[in-house]
């Protein structure tokens, strides 16, 4: 994962690859956080489930 070094010609992490890994991890974490937030909002807007009356 040395695409930053190849494109820009400098190495912010001295060739270790953690900077490039962060470039992928941060957006993925952000997408997951947005998804969980929207899911929680959708569940809170649902009416409460009534108990089954089959007894």
PDB file of N, CA and C in Angstrom:
ATOM      1  N   UNK A   1       0.832  -1.181   0.000  1.00  0.00           N
ATOM      2  CA  UNK A   1       0.000   0.000   0.000  1.00  0.00           C
ATOM      3  C   UNK A   1       0.876   1.243   0.000  1.00  0.00           C
ATOM      4  N   UNK A   2       1.551   1.477  -1.076  1.00  0.00           N
ATOM      5  CA  UNK A   2       2.417   2.655  -1.139  1.00  0.00           C
ATOM      6  C   UNK A   2       1.995   3.604  -2.248  1.00  0.00           C
ATOM      7  N   UNK A   3       0.687   3.750  -2.447  1.00  0.00           N
ATOM      8  CA  UNK A   3       0.228   4.588  -3.536  1.00  0.00           C
ATOM      9  C   UNK A   3       0.482   6.072  -3.271  1.00  0.00           C
ATOM     10  N   UNK A   4       0.497   6.504  -2.012  1.00  0.00           N
ATOM     11  CA  UNK A   4       0.803   7.899  -1.703  1.00  0.00           C
ATOM     12  C   UNK A   4       2.240   8.210  -2.129  1.00  0.00           C
ATOM     13  N   UNK A   5       3.147   7.303  -1.813  1.00  0.00           N
ATOM     14  CA  UNK A   5       4.536   7.516  -2.179  1.00  0.00           C
ATOM     15  C   UNK A   5       4.712   7.568  -3.697  1.00  0.00           C
ATOM     16  N   UNK A   6       3.992   6.727  -4.415  1.00  0.00           N
ATOM     17  CA  UNK A   6       4.119   6.690  -5.868  1.00  0.00           C
ATOM     18  C   UNK A   6       3.513   7.929  -6.511  1.00  0.00           C
ATOM     19  N   UNK A   7       2.387   8.407  -5.984  1.00  0.00           N
ATOM     20  CA  UNK A   7       1.705   9.550  -6.596  1.00  0.00           C
ATOM     21  C   UNK A   7       2.394  10.861  -6.234  1.00  0.00           C
ATOM     22  N   UNK A   8       2.653  11.081  -4.952  1.00  0.00           N
ATOM     23  CA  UNK A   8       3.175  12.366  -4.491  1.00  0.00           C
ATOM     24  C   UNK A   8       4.696  12.428  -4.438  1.00  0.00           C
ATOM     25  N   UNK A   9       5.339  11.289  -4.369  1.00  0.00           N
ATOM     26  CA  UNK A   9       6.789  11.267  -4.322  1.00  0.00           C
ATOM     27  C   UNK A   9       7.365  11.481  -2.928  1.00  0.00           C
ATOM     28  N   UNK A  10       6.549  11.451  -1.896  1.00  0.00           N
ATOM     29  CA  UNK A  10       7.027  11.559  -0.518  1.00  0.00           C
ATOM     30  C   UNK A  10       6.282  10.563   0.348  1.00  0.00           C
ATOM     31  N   UNK A  11       6.865  10.230   1.457  1.00  0.00           N
ATOM     32  CA  UNK A  11       6.319   9.186   2.311  1.00  0.00           C
ATOM     33  C   UNK A  11       5.970   9.751   3.688  1.00  0.00           C
ATOM     34  N   UNK A  12       4.678   9.991   3.964  1.00  0.00           N
ATOM     35  CA  UNK A  12       4.305  10.541   5.261  1.00  0.00           C
ATOM     36  C   UNK A  12       4.517   9.561   6.421  1.00  0.00           C
ATOM     37  N   UNK A  13       4.562   8.285   6.131  1.00  0.00           N
ATOM     38  CA  UNK A  13       4.720   7.283   7.191  1.00  0.00           C
ATOM     39  C   UNK A  13       5.998   6.456   7.022  1.00  0.00           C
ATOM     40  N   UNK A  14       6.944   6.969   6.283  1.00  0.00           N
ATOM     41  CA  UNK A  14       8.229   6.301   6.035  1.00  0.00           C
ATOM     42  C   UNK A  14       8.070   4.905   5.453  1.00  0.00           C
ATOM     43  N   UNK A  15       7.083   4.716   4.603  1.00  0.00           N
ATOM     44  CA  UNK A  15       6.906   3.453   3.901  1.00  0.00           C
ATOM     45  C   UNK A  15       6.247   2.351   4.692  1.00  0.00           C
ATOM     46  N   UNK A  16       5.707   2.645   5.870  1.00  0.00           N
ATOM     47  CA  UNK A  16       5.108   1.601   6.698  1.00  0.00           C
ATOM     48  C   UNK A  16       3.692   1.231   6.266  1.00  0.00           C
ATOM     49  N   UNK A  17       2.971   2.149   5.665  1.00  0.00           N
ATOM     50  CA  UNK A  17       1.642   1.835   5.152  1.00  0.00           C
ATOM     51  C   UNK A  17       0.492   2.183   6.069  1.00  0.00           C
ATOM     52  N   UNK A  18       0.750   2.667   7.283  1.00  0.00           N
ATOM     53  CA  UNK A  18      -0.353   2.961   8.204  1.00  0.00           C
ATOM     54  C   UNK A  18      -1.164   4.155   7.742  1.00  0.00           C
ATOM     55  N   UNK A  19      -0.529   5.122   7.071  1.00  0.00           N
ATOM     56  CA  UNK A  19      -1.256   6.297   6.582  1.00  0.00           C
ATOM     57  C   UNK A  19      -2.267   5.893   5.521  1.00  0.00           C
ATOM     58  N   UNK A  20      -1.862   5.041   4.601  1.00  0.00           N
ATOM     59  CA  UNK A  20      -2.787   4.555   3.576  1.00  0.00           C
ATOM     60  C   UNK A  20      -3.908   3.734   4.191  1.00  0.00           C
ATOM     61  N   UNK A  21      -3.588   2.960   5.209  1.00  0.00           N
ATOM     62  CA  UNK A  21      -4.620   2.181   5.893  1.00  0.00           C
ATOM     63  C   UNK A  21      -5.646   3.102   6.546  1.00  0.00           C
ATOM     64  N   UNK A  22      -5.188   4.211   7.118  1.00  0.00           N
ATOM     65  CA  UNK A  22      -6.115   5.184   7.703  1.00  0.00           C
ATOM     66  C   UNK A  22      -7.006   5.818   6.639  1.00  0.00           C
ATOM     67  N   UNK A  23      -6.451   6.038   5.456  1.00  0.00           N
ATOM     68  CA  UNK A  23      -7.250   6.625   4.377  1.00  0.00           C
ATOM     69  C   UNK A  23      -8.418   5.719   3.991  1.00  0.00           C
ATOM     70  N   UNK A  24      -8.290   4.431   4.214  1.00  0.00           N
ATOM     71  CA  UNK A  24      -9.392   3.506   3.964  1.00  0.00           C
ATOM     72  C   UNK A  24     -10.257   3.308   5.201  1.00  0.00           C
ATOM     73  N   UNK A  25      -9.645   3.242   6.369  1.00  0.00           N
ATOM     74  CA  UNK A  25     -10.384   2.938   7.592  1.00  0.00           C
ATOM     75  C   UNK A  25     -11.301   4.071   8.033  1.00  0.00           C
ATOM     76  N   UNK A  26     -10.867   5.311   7.913  1.00  0.00           N
ATOM     77  CA  UNK A  26     -11.679   6.439   8.380  1.00  0.00           C
ATOM     78  C   UNK A  26     -12.998   6.540   7.615  1.00  0.00           C
ATOM     79  N   UNK A  27     -13.014   6.513   6.293  1.00  0.00           N
ATOM     80  CA  UNK A  27     -14.313   6.569   5.603  1.00  0.00           C
ATOM     81  C   UNK A  27     -15.201   5.357   5.894  1.00  0.00           C
ATOM     82  N   UNK A  28     -14.606   4.187   6.026  1.00  0.00           N
ATOM     83  CA  UNK A  28     -15.406   2.996   6.319  1.00  0.00           C
ATOM     84  C   UNK A  28     -16.057   3.131   7.689  1.00  0.00           C
ATOM     85  N   UNK A  29     -15.302   3.602   8.675  1.00  0.00           N
ATOM     86  CA  UNK A  29     -15.884   3.819  10.014  1.00  0.00           C
ATOM     87  C   UNK A  29     -16.975   4.877   9.962  1.00  0.00           C
ATOM     88  N   UNK A  30     -16.770   5.920   9.189  1.00  0.00           N
ATOM     89  CA  UNK A  30     -17.792   6.955   9.054  1.00  0.00           C
ATOM     90  C   UNK A  30     -19.071   6.424   8.437  1.00  0.00           C
ATOM     91  N   UNK A  31     -18.941   5.611   7.405  1.00  0.00           N
ATOM     92  CA  UNK A  31     -20.119   5.015   6.755  1.00  0.00           C
ATOM     93  C   UNK A  31     -20.858   4.111   7.730  1.00  0.00           C
ATOM     94  N   UNK A  32     -20.120   3.310   8.493  1.00  0.00           N
ATOM     95  CA  UNK A  32     -20.753   2.428   9.474  1.00  0.00           C
ATOM     96  C   UNK A  32     -21.467   3.221  10.564  1.00  0.00           C
ATOM     97  N   UNK A  33     -20.873   4.320  11.006  1.00  0.00           N
ATOM     98  CA  UNK A  33     -21.505   5.143  12.035  1.00  0.00           C
ATOM     99  C   UNK A  33     -22.793   5.776  11.517  1.00  0.00           C
ATOM    100  N   UNK A  34     -22.779   6.272  10.287  1.00  0.00           N
ATOM    101  CA  UNK A  34     -23.991   6.854   9.692  1.00  0.00           C
ATOM    102  C   UNK A  34     -25.060   5.785   9.547  1.00  0.00           C
ATOM    103  N   UNK A  35     -24.687   4.604   9.090  1.00  0.00           N
ATOM    104  CA  UNK A  35     -25.651   3.514   8.912  1.00  0.00           C
ATOM    105  C   UNK A  35     -26.299   3.136  10.240  1.00  0.00           C
ATOM    106  N   UNK A  36     -25.480   3.012  11.294  1.00  0.00           N
ATOM    107  CA  UNK A  36     -26.026   2.649  12.609  1.00  0.00           C
ATOM    108  C   UNK A  36     -26.935   3.745  13.156  1.00  0.00           C
ATOM    109  N   UNK A  37     -26.573   4.994  12.927  1.00  0.00           N
ATOM    110  CA  UNK A  37     -27.390   6.111  13.400  1.00  0.00           C
ATOM    111  C   UNK A  37     -28.746   6.125  12.693  1.00  0.00           C
ATOM    112  N   UNK A  38     -28.733   5.969  11.379  1.00  0.00           N
ATOM    113  CA  UNK A  38     -29.989   5.949  10.623  1.00  0.00           C
ATOM    114  C   UNK A  38     -30.844   4.746  11.001  1.00  0.00           C
ATOM    115  N   UNK A  39     -30.201   3.626  11.250  1.00  0.00           N
ATOM    116  CA  UNK A  39     -30.943   2.429  11.653  1.00  0.00           C
ATOM    117  C   UNK A  39     -31.606   2.639  13.013  1.00  0.00           C
ATOM    118  N   UNK A  40     -30.892   3.250  13.942  1.00  0.00           N
ATOM    119  CA  UNK A  40     -31.444   3.523  15.266  1.00  0.00           C
ATOM    120  C   UNK A  40     -32.595   4.517  15.177  1.00  0.00           C
ATOM    121  N   UNK A  41     -32.471   5.525  14.311  1.00  0.00           N
ATOM    122  CA  UNK A  41     -33.555   6.483  14.133  1.00  0.00           C
ATOM    123  C   UNK A  41     -34.793   5.811  13.559  1.00  0.00           C
ATOM    124  N   UNK A  42     -34.604   4.938  12.595  1.00  0.00           N
ATOM    125  CA  UNK A  42     -35.740   4.247  11.973  1.00  0.00           C
ATOM    126  C   UNK A  42     -36.438   3.347  12.991  1.00  0.00           C
ATOM    127  N   UNK A  43     -35.686   2.693  13.850  1.00  0.00           N
ATOM    128  CA  UNK A  43     -36.288   1.819  14.857  1.00  0.00           C
ATOM    129  C   UNK A  43     -37.023   2.624  15.924  1.00  0.00           C
ATOM    130  N   UNK A  44     -36.547   3.817  16.238  1.00  0.00           N
ATOM    131  CA  UNK A  44     -37.220   4.615  17.266  1.00  0.00           C
ATOM    132  C   UNK A  44     -38.519   5.213  16.744  1.00  0.00           C
ATOM    133  N   UNK A  45     -38.669   5.341  15.428  1.00  0.00           N
ATOM    134  CA  UNK A  45     -39.888   5.892  14.842  1.00  0.00           C
ATOM    135  C   UNK A  45     -40.987   4.850  14.671  1.00  0.00           C
ATOM    136  N   UNK A  46     -40.637   3.586  14.771  1.00  0.00           N
ATOM    137  CA  UNK A  46     -41.636   2.524  14.630  1.00  0.00           C
ATOM    138  C   UNK A  46     -42.552   2.493  15.848  1.00  0.00           C
ATOM    139  N   UNK A  47     -43.815   2.186  15.631  1.00  0.00           N
ATOM    140  CA  UNK A  47     -44.694   2.038  16.798  1.00  0.00           C
ATOM    141  C   UNK A  47     -44.309   0.792  17.586  1.00  0.00           C
ATOM    142  N   UNK A  48     -44.552   0.800  18.886  1.00  0.00           N
ATOM    143  CA  UNK A  48     -44.185  -0.382  19.677  1.00  0.00           C
ATOM    144  C   UNK A  48     -45.011  -1.594  19.247  1.00  0.00           C
ATOM    145  N   UNK A  49     -44.378  -2.753  19.308  1.00  0.00           N
ATOM    146  CA  UNK A  49     -45.051  -3.979  18.920  1.00  0.00           C
ATOM    147  C   UNK A  49     -46.023  -4.407  19.996  1.00  0.00           C
ATOM    148  N   UNK A  50     -47.197  -4.801  19.560  1.00  0.00           N
ATOM    149  CA  UNK A  50     -48.180  -5.283  20.534  1.00  0.00           C
ATOM    150  C   UNK A  50     -47.941  -6.763  20.804  1.00  0.00           C
ATOM    151  N   UNK A  51     -48.221  -7.219  22.011  1.00  0.00           N
ATOM    152  CA  UNK A  51     -48.010  -8.645  22.304  1.00  0.00           C
ATOM    153  C   UNK A  51     -48.992  -9.503  21.517  1.00  0.00           C
ATOM    154  N   UNK A  52     -48.580 -10.713  21.231  1.00  0.00           N
ATOM    155  CA  UNK A  52     -49.455 -11.649  20.500  1.00  0.00           C
ATOM    156  C   UNK A  52     -50.678 -11.995  21.340  1.00  0.00           C
ATOM    157  N   UNK A  53     -51.840 -12.072  20.689  1.00  0.00           N
ATOM    158  CA  UNK A  53     -53.078 -12.381  21.404  1.00  0.00           C
ATOM    159  C   UNK A  53     -53.561 -13.786  21.068  1.00  0.00           C
ATOM    160  N   UNK A  54     -52.630 -14.678  20.845  1.00  0.00           N
ATOM    161  CA  UNK A  54     -52.973 -16.045  20.478  1.00  0.00           C
ATOM    162  C   UNK A  54     -53.152 -16.927  21.694  1.00  0.00           C
ATOM    163  N   UNK A  55     -53.016 -16.420  22.884  1.00  0.00           N
ATOM    164  CA  UNK A  55     -53.095 -17.247  24.095  1.00  0.00           C
ATOM    165  C   UNK A  55     -54.505 -17.567  24.471  1.00  0.00           C
TER     166      UNK A  55
END
